[in-house]
Structures are given as structure tokens and as C-alpha cells.
């Protein structure tokens, strides 16, 4: 009987003791962190909570947020890594 262990973590520091491990990752872009008042010496963000692509994957519009109009790089990147270890 094969046992399957699934570990979900936010960093890649952990190791699996077995050699038959698979790593799966997904990336989500969260709240916008663009400082709209930087040229005046202040700090103001627009309140956009999560990145929503304006266009289809593979087009230039996919990098622009439909909610706030900012580029995807201004949104906080969140990586979820899932490591699957199979042992017998």
C-alpha cells in the first residue's frame, strides 16, 4: 500500500526524505502596493485588494489590473508551494 503525504508551505526550505517527490506551485497576485503620492513625498495606495487581469493570458493586457490599472509587478506576489512525497 502506498502512502501519500502532502505538505503545503510558503517557502522552499523544507526537504522531503524520499527521492520520489513532486513540487507544484501556484502564484497569486494580491493587494496593490503602488505609491500614488511618491512624487509629493507621501504614501498613498489605491486600495485594490487583488490583481485581476484585463486581458487574456499571453497578451499585453494580461499584465494590467482591471481594477486599478496598475502593472502586475505593483501587486504583492504570493507563492503557494505544494510538495507531494510518496513512500511505500
N, C-alpha and C. Protein backbone atom coordinates (compact mmCIF):
# COMPACT_ATOMS: atom_id res chain seq x y z
N UNK A 1 0.83 -1.18 0.00
CA UNK A 1 0.00 0.00 0.00
C UNK A 1 0.88 1.24 0.00
N UNK A 2 0.58 2.19 -0.90
CA UNK A 2 1.34 3.41 -0.99
C UNK A 2 0.73 4.48 -0.10
N UNK A 3 1.59 5.19 0.61
CA UNK A 3 1.14 6.31 1.42
C UNK A 3 1.49 7.59 0.69
N UNK A 4 0.66 8.57 0.84
CA UNK A 4 0.89 9.84 0.17
C UNK A 4 0.80 10.95 1.21
N UNK A 5 1.82 11.77 1.25
CA UNK A 5 1.87 12.87 2.19
C UNK A 5 1.93 14.17 1.41
N UNK A 6 1.05 15.10 1.74
CA UNK A 6 1.01 16.39 1.06
C UNK A 6 1.36 17.46 2.08
N UNK A 7 2.34 18.28 1.73
CA UNK A 7 2.78 19.36 2.60
C UNK A 7 2.62 20.66 1.83
N UNK A 8 1.91 21.61 2.41
CA UNK A 8 1.74 22.92 1.78
C UNK A 8 2.53 23.92 2.61
N UNK A 9 3.45 24.65 1.95
CA UNK A 9 4.27 25.63 2.66
C UNK A 9 4.51 26.84 1.79
N UNK A 10 4.91 27.92 2.42
CA UNK A 10 5.13 29.18 1.72
C UNK A 10 6.57 29.37 1.28
N UNK A 11 7.50 28.61 1.83
CA UNK A 11 8.90 28.74 1.42
C UNK A 11 9.42 27.39 0.94
N UNK A 12 10.59 27.40 0.36
CA UNK A 12 11.16 26.18 -0.23
C UNK A 12 12.28 25.61 0.62
N UNK A 13 12.30 25.90 1.91
CA UNK A 13 13.41 25.47 2.75
C UNK A 13 13.32 24.02 3.17
N UNK A 14 12.12 23.45 3.21
CA UNK A 14 11.95 22.07 3.67
C UNK A 14 12.35 21.06 2.62
N UNK A 15 12.77 19.90 3.05
CA UNK A 15 13.17 18.82 2.15
C UNK A 15 12.31 17.60 2.45
N UNK A 16 12.10 16.79 1.45
CA UNK A 16 11.38 15.55 1.60
C UNK A 16 12.40 14.42 1.70
N UNK A 17 12.19 13.49 2.61
CA UNK A 17 13.18 12.45 2.84
C UNK A 17 13.22 11.42 1.72
N UNK A 18 12.16 11.30 0.98
CA UNK A 18 12.09 10.31 -0.09
C UNK A 18 12.52 10.93 -1.42
N UNK A 19 13.05 10.14 -2.32
CA UNK A 19 13.52 10.67 -3.60
C UNK A 19 12.38 10.87 -4.59
N UNK A 20 11.23 10.27 -4.36
CA UNK A 20 10.11 10.41 -5.29
C UNK A 20 9.16 11.52 -4.81
N UNK A 21 9.62 12.76 -4.93
CA UNK A 21 8.83 13.90 -4.51
C UNK A 21 8.56 14.80 -5.71
N UNK A 22 7.37 15.36 -5.75
CA UNK A 22 6.99 16.29 -6.81
C UNK A 22 6.63 17.62 -6.17
N UNK A 23 7.02 18.71 -6.82
CA UNK A 23 6.73 20.03 -6.32
C UNK A 23 5.82 20.75 -7.30
N UNK A 24 4.74 21.31 -6.78
CA UNK A 24 3.79 22.07 -7.58
C UNK A 24 3.66 23.45 -6.96
N UNK A 25 3.61 24.46 -7.79
CA UNK A 25 3.50 25.81 -7.27
C UNK A 25 2.45 26.61 -8.01
N UNK A 26 1.84 27.53 -7.30
CA UNK A 26 0.90 28.44 -7.92
C UNK A 26 1.20 29.85 -7.41
N UNK A 27 1.03 30.82 -8.28
CA UNK A 27 1.33 32.20 -7.96
C UNK A 27 0.05 33.01 -8.02
N UNK A 28 -0.18 33.81 -6.98
CA UNK A 28 -1.32 34.72 -6.97
C UNK A 28 -0.79 36.11 -6.67
N UNK A 29 -1.41 37.11 -7.26
CA UNK A 29 -1.02 38.49 -7.01
C UNK A 29 -2.12 39.14 -6.18
N UNK A 30 -1.74 39.68 -5.04
CA UNK A 30 -2.69 40.20 -4.06
C UNK A 30 -2.81 41.72 -4.16
N UNK A 31 -2.85 42.42 -3.03
CA UNK A 31 -3.15 43.85 -3.00
C UNK A 31 -2.08 44.68 -3.70
N UNK A 32 -2.54 45.79 -4.26
CA UNK A 32 -1.66 46.71 -4.98
C UNK A 32 -0.86 47.52 -3.97
N UNK A 33 0.45 47.66 -4.24
CA UNK A 33 1.32 48.39 -3.34
C UNK A 33 1.93 49.62 -4.00
N UNK A 34 1.34 50.06 -5.10
CA UNK A 34 1.86 51.23 -5.80
C UNK A 34 1.61 52.48 -4.97
N UNK A 35 2.66 53.27 -4.77
CA UNK A 35 2.58 54.51 -4.01
C UNK A 35 2.21 55.64 -4.97
N UNK A 36 0.97 56.09 -4.91
CA UNK A 36 0.49 57.13 -5.83
C UNK A 36 0.93 58.54 -5.41
N UNK A 37 1.42 58.69 -4.19
CA UNK A 37 1.83 60.00 -3.70
C UNK A 37 3.35 60.11 -3.56
N UNK A 38 4.10 59.27 -4.23
CA UNK A 38 5.56 59.26 -4.10
C UNK A 38 6.19 60.55 -4.60
N UNK A 39 5.65 61.13 -5.66
CA UNK A 39 6.24 62.37 -6.20
C UNK A 39 6.04 63.56 -5.27
N UNK A 40 5.09 63.47 -4.32
CA UNK A 40 4.87 64.55 -3.35
C UNK A 40 5.53 64.25 -2.00
N UNK A 41 6.19 63.11 -1.89
CA UNK A 41 6.87 62.75 -0.64
C UNK A 41 5.97 62.04 0.36
N UNK A 42 4.80 61.63 -0.07
CA UNK A 42 3.86 60.95 0.84
C UNK A 42 3.73 59.48 0.51
N UNK A 43 2.74 58.87 1.11
CA UNK A 43 2.45 57.46 0.85
C UNK A 43 0.94 57.26 0.77
N UNK A 44 0.45 56.84 -0.38
CA UNK A 44 -0.97 56.59 -0.56
C UNK A 44 -1.15 55.45 -1.55
N UNK A 45 -1.89 54.44 -1.15
CA UNK A 45 -2.20 53.32 -2.04
C UNK A 45 -3.67 53.41 -2.42
N UNK A 46 -4.04 52.77 -3.53
CA UNK A 46 -5.40 52.92 -4.05
C UNK A 46 -6.42 51.97 -3.44
N UNK A 47 -6.01 50.96 -2.71
CA UNK A 47 -6.95 50.06 -2.05
C UNK A 47 -7.36 48.86 -2.87
N UNK A 48 -6.73 48.64 -4.01
CA UNK A 48 -7.03 47.46 -4.83
C UNK A 48 -6.62 46.21 -4.04
N UNK A 49 -7.53 45.28 -3.84
CA UNK A 49 -7.29 44.13 -2.98
C UNK A 49 -6.65 42.93 -3.68
N UNK A 50 -6.90 42.76 -4.97
CA UNK A 50 -6.34 41.61 -5.68
C UNK A 50 -6.24 41.91 -7.17
N UNK A 51 -5.19 41.40 -7.79
CA UNK A 51 -4.94 41.60 -9.22
C UNK A 51 -5.96 40.81 -10.05
N UNK A 52 -6.57 41.50 -11.00
CA UNK A 52 -7.45 40.86 -11.98
C UNK A 52 -6.96 41.27 -13.36
N UNK A 53 -6.57 40.30 -14.16
CA UNK A 53 -6.01 40.60 -15.48
C UNK A 53 -7.05 41.25 -16.38
N UNK A 54 -6.62 42.26 -17.14
CA UNK A 54 -7.51 42.96 -18.07
C UNK A 54 -7.75 42.17 -19.34
N UNK A 55 -6.80 41.33 -19.71
CA UNK A 55 -6.91 40.60 -20.97
C UNK A 55 -6.64 39.12 -20.80
N UNK A 56 -6.58 38.44 -21.91
CA UNK A 56 -6.37 37.01 -21.95
C UNK A 56 -4.89 36.70 -21.73
N UNK A 57 -4.60 35.56 -21.12
CA UNK A 57 -3.22 35.11 -20.89
C UNK A 57 -2.45 35.09 -22.20
N UNK A 58 -1.26 35.66 -22.20
CA UNK A 58 -0.43 35.69 -23.40
C UNK A 58 -0.49 37.00 -24.14
N UNK A 59 -1.36 37.91 -23.73
CA UNK A 59 -1.44 39.23 -24.37
C UNK A 59 -0.83 40.27 -23.44
N UNK A 60 -0.57 41.46 -23.96
CA UNK A 60 0.00 42.54 -23.16
C UNK A 60 -0.99 43.02 -22.10
N UNK A 61 -2.28 42.91 -22.38
CA UNK A 61 -3.30 43.35 -21.43
C UNK A 61 -3.37 42.45 -20.19
N UNK A 62 -2.80 41.27 -20.26
CA UNK A 62 -2.82 40.35 -19.11
C UNK A 62 -1.95 40.85 -17.96
N UNK A 63 -1.07 41.81 -18.22
CA UNK A 63 -0.20 42.35 -17.18
C UNK A 63 -0.77 43.61 -16.53
N UNK A 64 -1.94 44.06 -16.97
CA UNK A 64 -2.58 45.25 -16.43
C UNK A 64 -3.78 44.84 -15.59
N UNK A 65 -3.90 45.42 -14.40
CA UNK A 65 -5.00 45.11 -13.50
C UNK A 65 -6.28 45.79 -13.98
N UNK A 66 -7.37 45.05 -14.05
CA UNK A 66 -8.65 45.60 -14.48
C UNK A 66 -9.24 46.52 -13.41
N UNK A 67 -8.91 46.30 -12.15
CA UNK A 67 -9.48 47.09 -11.06
C UNK A 67 -8.81 48.44 -10.89
N UNK A 68 -7.46 48.47 -10.90
CA UNK A 68 -6.76 49.72 -10.60
C UNK A 68 -5.95 50.27 -11.77
N UNK A 69 -5.70 49.48 -12.80
CA UNK A 69 -4.96 49.95 -13.96
C UNK A 69 -3.45 49.86 -13.82
N UNK A 70 -2.96 49.34 -12.71
CA UNK A 70 -1.52 49.23 -12.48
C UNK A 70 -0.97 47.96 -13.13
N UNK A 71 0.35 47.94 -13.33
CA UNK A 71 1.01 46.75 -13.84
C UNK A 71 1.03 45.67 -12.75
N UNK A 72 1.10 44.44 -13.16
CA UNK A 72 1.08 43.30 -12.23
C UNK A 72 2.22 43.35 -11.22
N UNK A 73 3.36 43.94 -11.58
CA UNK A 73 4.51 44.00 -10.68
C UNK A 73 4.25 44.85 -9.43
N UNK A 74 3.26 45.73 -9.46
CA UNK A 74 2.95 46.53 -8.29
C UNK A 74 2.15 45.75 -7.25
N UNK A 75 1.62 44.61 -7.60
CA UNK A 75 0.83 43.80 -6.69
C UNK A 75 1.72 42.81 -5.95
N UNK A 76 1.41 42.60 -4.66
CA UNK A 76 2.20 41.68 -3.82
C UNK A 76 2.06 40.26 -4.35
N UNK A 77 3.19 39.62 -4.59
CA UNK A 77 3.22 38.26 -5.15
C UNK A 77 3.18 37.24 -4.01
N UNK A 78 2.29 36.27 -4.12
CA UNK A 78 2.15 35.22 -3.12
C UNK A 78 2.32 33.87 -3.81
N UNK A 79 3.32 33.11 -3.36
CA UNK A 79 3.61 31.81 -3.97
C UNK A 79 3.21 30.71 -3.00
N UNK A 80 2.35 29.81 -3.43
CA UNK A 80 1.99 28.63 -2.66
C UNK A 80 2.69 27.44 -3.28
N UNK A 81 3.48 26.73 -2.48
CA UNK A 81 4.21 25.57 -2.96
C UNK A 81 3.66 24.33 -2.30
N UNK A 82 3.39 23.32 -3.11
CA UNK A 82 2.88 22.06 -2.59
C UNK A 82 3.89 20.96 -2.95
N UNK A 83 4.39 20.27 -1.94
CA UNK A 83 5.34 19.18 -2.14
C UNK A 83 4.62 17.88 -1.84
N UNK A 84 4.62 16.98 -2.80
CA UNK A 84 3.97 15.68 -2.63
C UNK A 84 5.05 14.62 -2.50
N UNK A 85 5.09 13.94 -1.36
CA UNK A 85 6.06 12.88 -1.10
C UNK A 85 5.33 11.53 -1.11
N UNK A 86 5.79 10.64 -1.94
CA UNK A 86 5.17 9.31 -1.99
C UNK A 86 6.15 8.29 -1.45
N UNK A 87 5.68 7.48 -0.53
CA UNK A 87 6.52 6.43 0.05
C UNK A 87 5.71 5.14 0.12
N UNK A 88 6.42 4.02 0.18
CA UNK A 88 5.72 2.75 0.23
C UNK A 88 5.89 2.09 1.57
